[in-house]
């Protein structure tokens, strides 16, 4: 009886969490299917009536040529940032987890320390650095900064996965005449995939949704990313066109869902990453 009551309480908490997560997304979707004027009706309706459902907001967004440009800009920046971070963080985590060298603990402590400092608190020195690197109003110029923001967390997490990989596998490669690069390629990367995929989801979200830094250094409309394009509808024509905002927000969720679906297998494997794989 006590166990059943505990399960009921647990399910209530889980359902409550599900409602909290799903309701904003459901409201965003329902609003995107309403005419712009319907948002200000009284009494407000959470879901539109069947005769009120329209796709005019989506037609308008798809008819804007700059939408495709902003969308592809975000894809380019996010994918490049994720790949570059994955390569650097995995290599750095491999070195810290497997080798002994002077200053190793200091280096790892510095990595952990940088995780505490939010990237946007350093926006002024970052802007000065971007000016010196000629990265102002440059789409590729966003990538090094996004990598810098995520590499500490990525290294910290991937290091934990690598430490769970048996060293006997490394020694087997060395006995066969392999090098440290062979170990990295044939042992570390395949068995650390769950960790790499998990942090890559986080890194993709960081680069895909980032607004403040991109809005600071990008001024050319052709080079702007999707979050900046969404903000362009706020206050346009003296009022916010929420139908367009939410329709564009729905489109922005598509890549996130694709990334999560593609990485879900590795993400779940990460829960059992401590087991030895044959």
Protein backbone atom coordinates (compact mmCIF):
# COMPACT_ATOMS: atom_id res chain seq x y z
CA UNK A 1 0.00 0.00 0.00
CA UNK A 2 2.83 2.35 0.95
CA UNK A 3 4.64 1.52 -2.29
CA UNK A 4 1.52 2.25 -4.35
CA UNK A 5 1.05 5.63 -2.63
CA UNK A 6 4.69 6.51 -3.34
CA UNK A 7 4.23 5.61 -7.00
CA UNK A 8 1.10 7.79 -7.20
CA UNK A 9 2.97 10.77 -5.72
CA UNK A 10 5.85 10.15 -8.13
CA UNK A 11 3.52 10.04 -11.14
CA UNK A 12 1.78 13.23 -10.00
CA UNK A 13 5.14 15.04 -9.88
CA UNK A 14 6.14 13.66 -13.27
CA UNK A 15 2.83 14.68 -14.85
CA UNK A 16 3.09 18.13 -13.27
CA UNK A 17 6.57 18.53 -14.75
CA UNK A 18 5.30 17.37 -18.13
CA UNK A 19 2.48 19.92 -18.07
CA UNK A 20 4.89 22.73 -17.13
CA UNK A 21 7.16 21.80 -20.03
CA UNK A 22 4.49 21.13 -22.66
CA UNK A 23 2.05 24.00 -22.01
CA UNK A 24 4.31 26.83 -23.25
CA UNK A 25 5.09 24.89 -26.42
CA UNK A 26 1.40 24.12 -26.95
CA UNK A 27 0.53 27.80 -26.44
CA UNK A 28 3.23 28.80 -28.92
CA UNK A 29 1.87 26.38 -31.52
CA UNK A 30 -1.76 27.41 -30.98
CA UNK A 31 -0.89 31.12 -31.21
CA UNK A 32 1.01 30.57 -34.44
CA UNK A 33 -2.21 29.13 -35.92
CA UNK A 34 -4.27 32.20 -34.99
CA UNK A 35 -4.63 35.45 -36.95
CA UNK A 36 -2.53 38.24 -35.45
CA UNK A 37 -5.57 40.12 -34.20
CA UNK A 38 -7.04 37.08 -32.43
CA UNK A 39 -4.32 37.21 -29.79
CA UNK A 40 -5.86 40.34 -28.26
CA UNK A 41 -9.41 39.00 -28.08
CA UNK A 42 -11.29 38.91 -24.78
CA UNK A 43 -11.82 36.53 -23.14
CA UNK A 44 -8.55 34.98 -24.31
CA UNK A 45 -8.60 31.45 -25.74
CA UNK A 46 -5.80 28.99 -25.16
CA UNK A 47 -6.69 26.99 -28.26
CA UNK A 48 -8.23 28.49 -31.40
CA UNK A 49 -11.60 27.29 -32.67
CA UNK A 50 -11.46 25.09 -35.76
CA UNK A 51 -12.85 27.87 -37.97
CA UNK A 52 -10.14 30.24 -36.66
CA UNK A 53 -7.18 28.02 -37.49
CA UNK A 54 -5.03 29.57 -40.19
CA UNK A 55 -1.56 29.04 -41.62
CA UNK A 56 -1.21 32.62 -42.82
CA UNK A 57 1.60 33.25 -40.33
CA UNK A 58 3.61 30.34 -41.72
CA UNK A 59 2.90 31.42 -45.31
CA UNK A 60 4.15 34.90 -44.51
CA UNK A 61 7.34 33.62 -42.85
CA UNK A 62 8.10 31.20 -45.68
CA UNK A 63 7.51 33.99 -48.17
CA UNK A 64 10.28 36.05 -46.61
CA UNK A 65 13.53 35.37 -48.43
CA UNK A 66 15.60 36.52 -45.46
CA UNK A 67 14.10 33.71 -43.34
CA UNK A 68 16.03 31.09 -45.30
CA UNK A 69 19.23 33.15 -45.05
CA UNK A 70 18.88 33.62 -41.29
CA UNK A 71 17.99 29.95 -40.87
CA UNK A 72 21.03 28.75 -42.81
CA UNK A 73 23.24 31.20 -40.91
CA UNK A 74 22.14 29.65 -37.62
CA UNK A 75 22.65 26.14 -38.98
CA UNK A 76 26.17 26.99 -40.16
CA UNK A 77 27.22 28.63 -36.89
CA UNK A 78 25.66 25.95 -34.65
CA UNK A 79 26.98 22.93 -36.58
CA UNK A 80 30.48 24.38 -36.96
CA UNK A 81 30.61 25.28 -33.26
CA UNK A 82 29.44 21.83 -32.20
CA UNK A 83 31.93 19.97 -34.41
CA UNK A 84 34.88 22.15 -33.44
CA UNK A 85 34.05 21.93 -29.74
CA UNK A 86 33.62 18.15 -29.94
CA UNK A 87 37.04 17.67 -31.54
CA UNK A 88 38.93 20.00 -29.20
CA UNK A 89 37.13 18.97 -26.01
CA UNK A 90 37.48 15.23 -26.72
CA UNK A 91 41.20 15.55 -27.43
CA UNK A 92 41.75 17.71 -24.35
CA UNK A 93 39.71 15.36 -22.15
CA UNK A 94 41.70 12.38 -23.50
CA UNK A 95 45.01 14.03 -22.58
CA UNK A 96 43.84 14.98 -19.08
CA UNK A 97 42.24 11.61 -18.36
CA UNK A 98 45.01 9.35 -19.70
CA UNK A 99 48.35 11.13 -19.31
CA UNK A 100 50.43 12.55 -16.49
CA UNK A 101 52.29 15.80 -17.08
CA UNK A 102 53.41 18.81 -15.03
CA UNK A 103 50.58 21.23 -14.33
CA UNK A 104 47.84 18.71 -15.15
CA UNK A 105 45.84 19.44 -11.98
CA UNK A 106 46.28 23.19 -12.45
CA UNK A 107 45.02 22.93 -16.02
CA UNK A 108 41.97 20.91 -15.00
CA UNK A 109 41.28 23.26 -12.11
CA UNK A 110 41.41 26.20 -14.50
CA UNK A 111 38.92 24.43 -16.80
CA UNK A 112 36.53 23.89 -13.88
CA UNK A 113 37.01 27.50 -12.76
CA UNK A 114 36.07 28.90 -16.17
CA UNK A 115 32.78 26.98 -16.01
CA UNK A 116 31.71 29.27 -13.18
CA UNK A 117 32.08 32.46 -15.23
CA UNK A 118 29.19 33.12 -17.68
CA UNK A 119 30.41 34.10 -21.11
CA UNK A 120 28.26 37.24 -21.31
CA UNK A 121 29.88 38.74 -18.20
CA UNK A 122 33.02 39.13 -20.32
CA UNK A 123 31.24 40.80 -23.21
CA UNK A 124 33.41 43.94 -23.13
CA UNK A 125 36.82 42.18 -23.34
CA UNK A 126 35.29 39.74 -25.81
CA UNK A 127 34.19 42.64 -28.00
CA UNK A 128 37.66 44.17 -27.86
CA UNK A 129 39.12 40.79 -28.82
CA UNK A 130 36.63 40.48 -31.67
CA UNK A 131 37.71 43.89 -32.96
CA UNK A 132 41.37 42.85 -32.94
CA UNK A 133 40.53 39.56 -34.66
CA UNK A 134 38.38 41.43 -37.20
CA UNK A 135 35.43 39.24 -36.23
CA UNK A 136 32.93 42.10 -36.04
CA UNK A 137 30.00 41.65 -38.43
CA UNK A 138 31.45 38.28 -39.44
CA UNK A 139 29.35 35.13 -39.29
CA UNK A 140 32.37 32.77 -38.93
CA UNK A 141 33.62 35.16 -36.23
CA UNK A 142 30.83 33.94 -33.92
CA UNK A 143 32.18 30.38 -33.91
CA UNK A 144 35.39 30.84 -31.83
CA UNK A 145 33.44 32.60 -29.08
CA UNK A 146 30.74 29.92 -28.94
CA UNK A 147 33.46 27.28 -28.78
CA UNK A 148 35.17 29.17 -25.95
CA UNK A 149 31.90 29.28 -24.00
CA UNK A 150 31.21 25.55 -24.26
CA UNK A 151 34.62 23.90 -24.33
CA UNK A 152 35.15 23.90 -20.54
CA UNK A 153 31.86 22.13 -19.78
CA UNK A 154 32.37 19.74 -22.70
CA UNK A 155 35.88 18.80 -21.58
CA UNK A 156 34.74 18.27 -18.01
CA UNK A 157 31.88 15.97 -19.04
CA UNK A 158 33.76 13.99 -21.69
CA UNK A 159 36.67 13.44 -19.29
CA UNK A 160 34.28 11.62 -16.95
CA UNK A 161 33.23 9.28 -19.77
CA UNK A 162 36.81 8.59 -20.80
CA UNK A 163 37.83 7.74 -17.25
CA UNK A 164 35.21 4.96 -17.27
CA UNK A 165 36.81 3.34 -20.33
CA UNK A 166 39.12 0.47 -19.21
CA UNK A 167 42.80 1.23 -19.70
CA UNK A 168 43.31 -2.38 -20.78
CA UNK A 169 41.85 -1.42 -24.14
CA UNK A 170 44.54 1.25 -24.54
CA UNK A 171 47.25 -1.26 -23.66
CA UNK A 172 45.92 -3.73 -26.23
CA UNK A 173 46.39 -1.08 -28.94
CA UNK A 174 49.90 -0.30 -27.72
CA UNK A 175 50.86 -4.00 -27.70
CA UNK A 176 49.74 -4.25 -31.33
CA UNK A 177 52.08 -1.40 -32.19
CA UNK A 178 49.50 1.37 -32.16
CA UNK A 179 50.12 4.98 -31.13
CA UNK A 180 48.24 7.36 -28.86
CA UNK A 181 46.40 8.58 -31.96
CA UNK A 182 45.27 5.03 -32.72
CA UNK A 183 43.95 4.71 -29.16
CA UNK A 184 42.15 8.04 -29.54
CA UNK A 185 40.61 7.01 -32.85
CA UNK A 186 39.74 3.35 -32.23
CA UNK A 187 39.02 3.30 -28.48
CA UNK A 188 38.31 6.72 -27.00
CA UNK A 189 36.08 8.20 -29.70
CA UNK A 190 33.86 5.09 -30.24
CA UNK A 191 33.34 4.41 -26.52
CA UNK A 192 32.96 8.07 -25.56
CA UNK A 193 30.26 8.69 -28.18
CA UNK A 194 27.46 8.87 -25.57
CA UNK A 195 29.30 11.62 -23.72
CA UNK A 196 30.23 13.48 -26.88
CA UNK A 197 26.63 13.31 -28.14
CA UNK A 198 25.24 14.48 -24.80
CA UNK A 199 27.40 17.59 -24.62
CA UNK A 200 26.87 18.21 -28.34
CA UNK A 201 23.13 18.56 -27.73
CA UNK A 202 23.85 21.17 -25.07
CA UNK A 203 26.39 22.93 -27.29
CA UNK A 204 23.98 22.99 -30.23
CA UNK A 205 21.28 24.58 -28.09
CA UNK A 206 23.78 27.17 -26.82
CA UNK A 207 24.86 28.22 -30.32
CA UNK A 208 21.39 27.91 -31.87
CA UNK A 209 19.56 29.99 -29.28
CA UNK A 210 22.27 32.56 -28.51
CA UNK A 211 21.07 36.11 -29.06
CA UNK A 212 22.95 38.73 -27.06
CA UNK A 213 26.46 38.24 -28.47
CA UNK A 214 25.29 37.75 -32.05
CA UNK A 215 23.12 40.86 -31.80
CA UNK A 216 26.11 42.79 -30.47
CA UNK A 217 28.63 41.95 -33.19
CA UNK A 218 26.40 41.29 -36.23
CA UNK A 219 24.85 44.34 -37.89
CA UNK A 220 24.32 43.14 -41.47
CA UNK A 221 20.82 41.73 -42.01
CA UNK A 222 22.18 39.10 -44.39
CA UNK A 223 24.53 37.75 -41.70
CA UNK A 224 22.06 37.67 -38.82
CA UNK A 225 21.05 34.43 -37.13
CA UNK A 226 17.51 33.22 -36.47
CA UNK A 227 17.12 34.55 -32.88
CA UNK A 228 17.91 38.06 -34.16
CA UNK A 229 15.38 37.59 -36.96
CA UNK A 230 12.72 36.63 -34.41
CA UNK A 231 13.44 39.73 -32.35
CA UNK A 232 12.89 41.83 -35.47
CA UNK A 233 9.14 41.23 -35.22
CA UNK A 234 8.97 42.78 -31.74
CA UNK A 235 7.57 46.28 -31.96
CA UNK A 236 7.35 46.14 -35.75
CA UNK A 237 4.60 48.43 -37.09
CA UNK A 238 4.12 49.80 -33.53
CA UNK A 239 3.01 46.46 -32.07
CA UNK A 240 4.42 42.97 -31.74
CA UNK A 241 3.17 40.54 -34.37
CA UNK A 242 2.99 37.53 -32.13
CA UNK A 243 1.64 35.25 -34.82
CA UNK A 244 4.80 35.76 -36.89
CA UNK A 245 7.01 35.49 -33.80
CA UNK A 246 5.55 32.16 -32.75
CA UNK A 247 5.45 30.77 -36.28
CA UNK A 248 9.14 31.55 -36.66
CA UNK A 249 9.77 30.07 -33.21
CA UNK A 250 8.08 26.83 -34.29
CA UNK A 251 10.40 26.65 -37.29
CA UNK A 252 13.37 27.23 -34.99
CA UNK A 253 12.41 24.14 -32.98
CA UNK A 254 12.72 21.80 -35.96
CA UNK A 255 16.55 21.54 -35.97
CA UNK A 256 16.56 21.08 -32.20
CA UNK A 257 14.14 18.15 -32.49
CA UNK A 258 16.21 16.65 -35.31
CA UNK A 259 19.42 16.88 -33.29
CA UNK A 260 17.78 15.36 -30.23
CA UNK A 261 16.24 12.50 -32.21
CA UNK A 262 19.56 11.74 -33.92
CA UNK A 263 21.50 11.85 -30.64
CA UNK A 264 18.86 10.20 -28.46
CA UNK A 265 20.38 6.75 -28.86
CA UNK A 266 23.78 7.92 -27.67
CA UNK A 267 22.21 10.06 -24.95
CA UNK A 268 20.43 7.02 -23.49
CA UNK A 269 23.62 4.97 -23.78
CA UNK A 270 25.31 7.58 -21.65
CA UNK A 271 23.22 6.44 -18.68
CA UNK A 272 24.99 3.07 -18.80
CA UNK A 273 28.38 4.32 -19.95
CA UNK A 274 30.09 2.80 -16.93
CA UNK A 275 29.68 -0.72 -18.28
CA UNK A 276 32.48 -2.39 -20.23
CA UNK A 277 31.69 -2.72 -23.90
CA UNK A 278 32.96 -5.60 -25.93
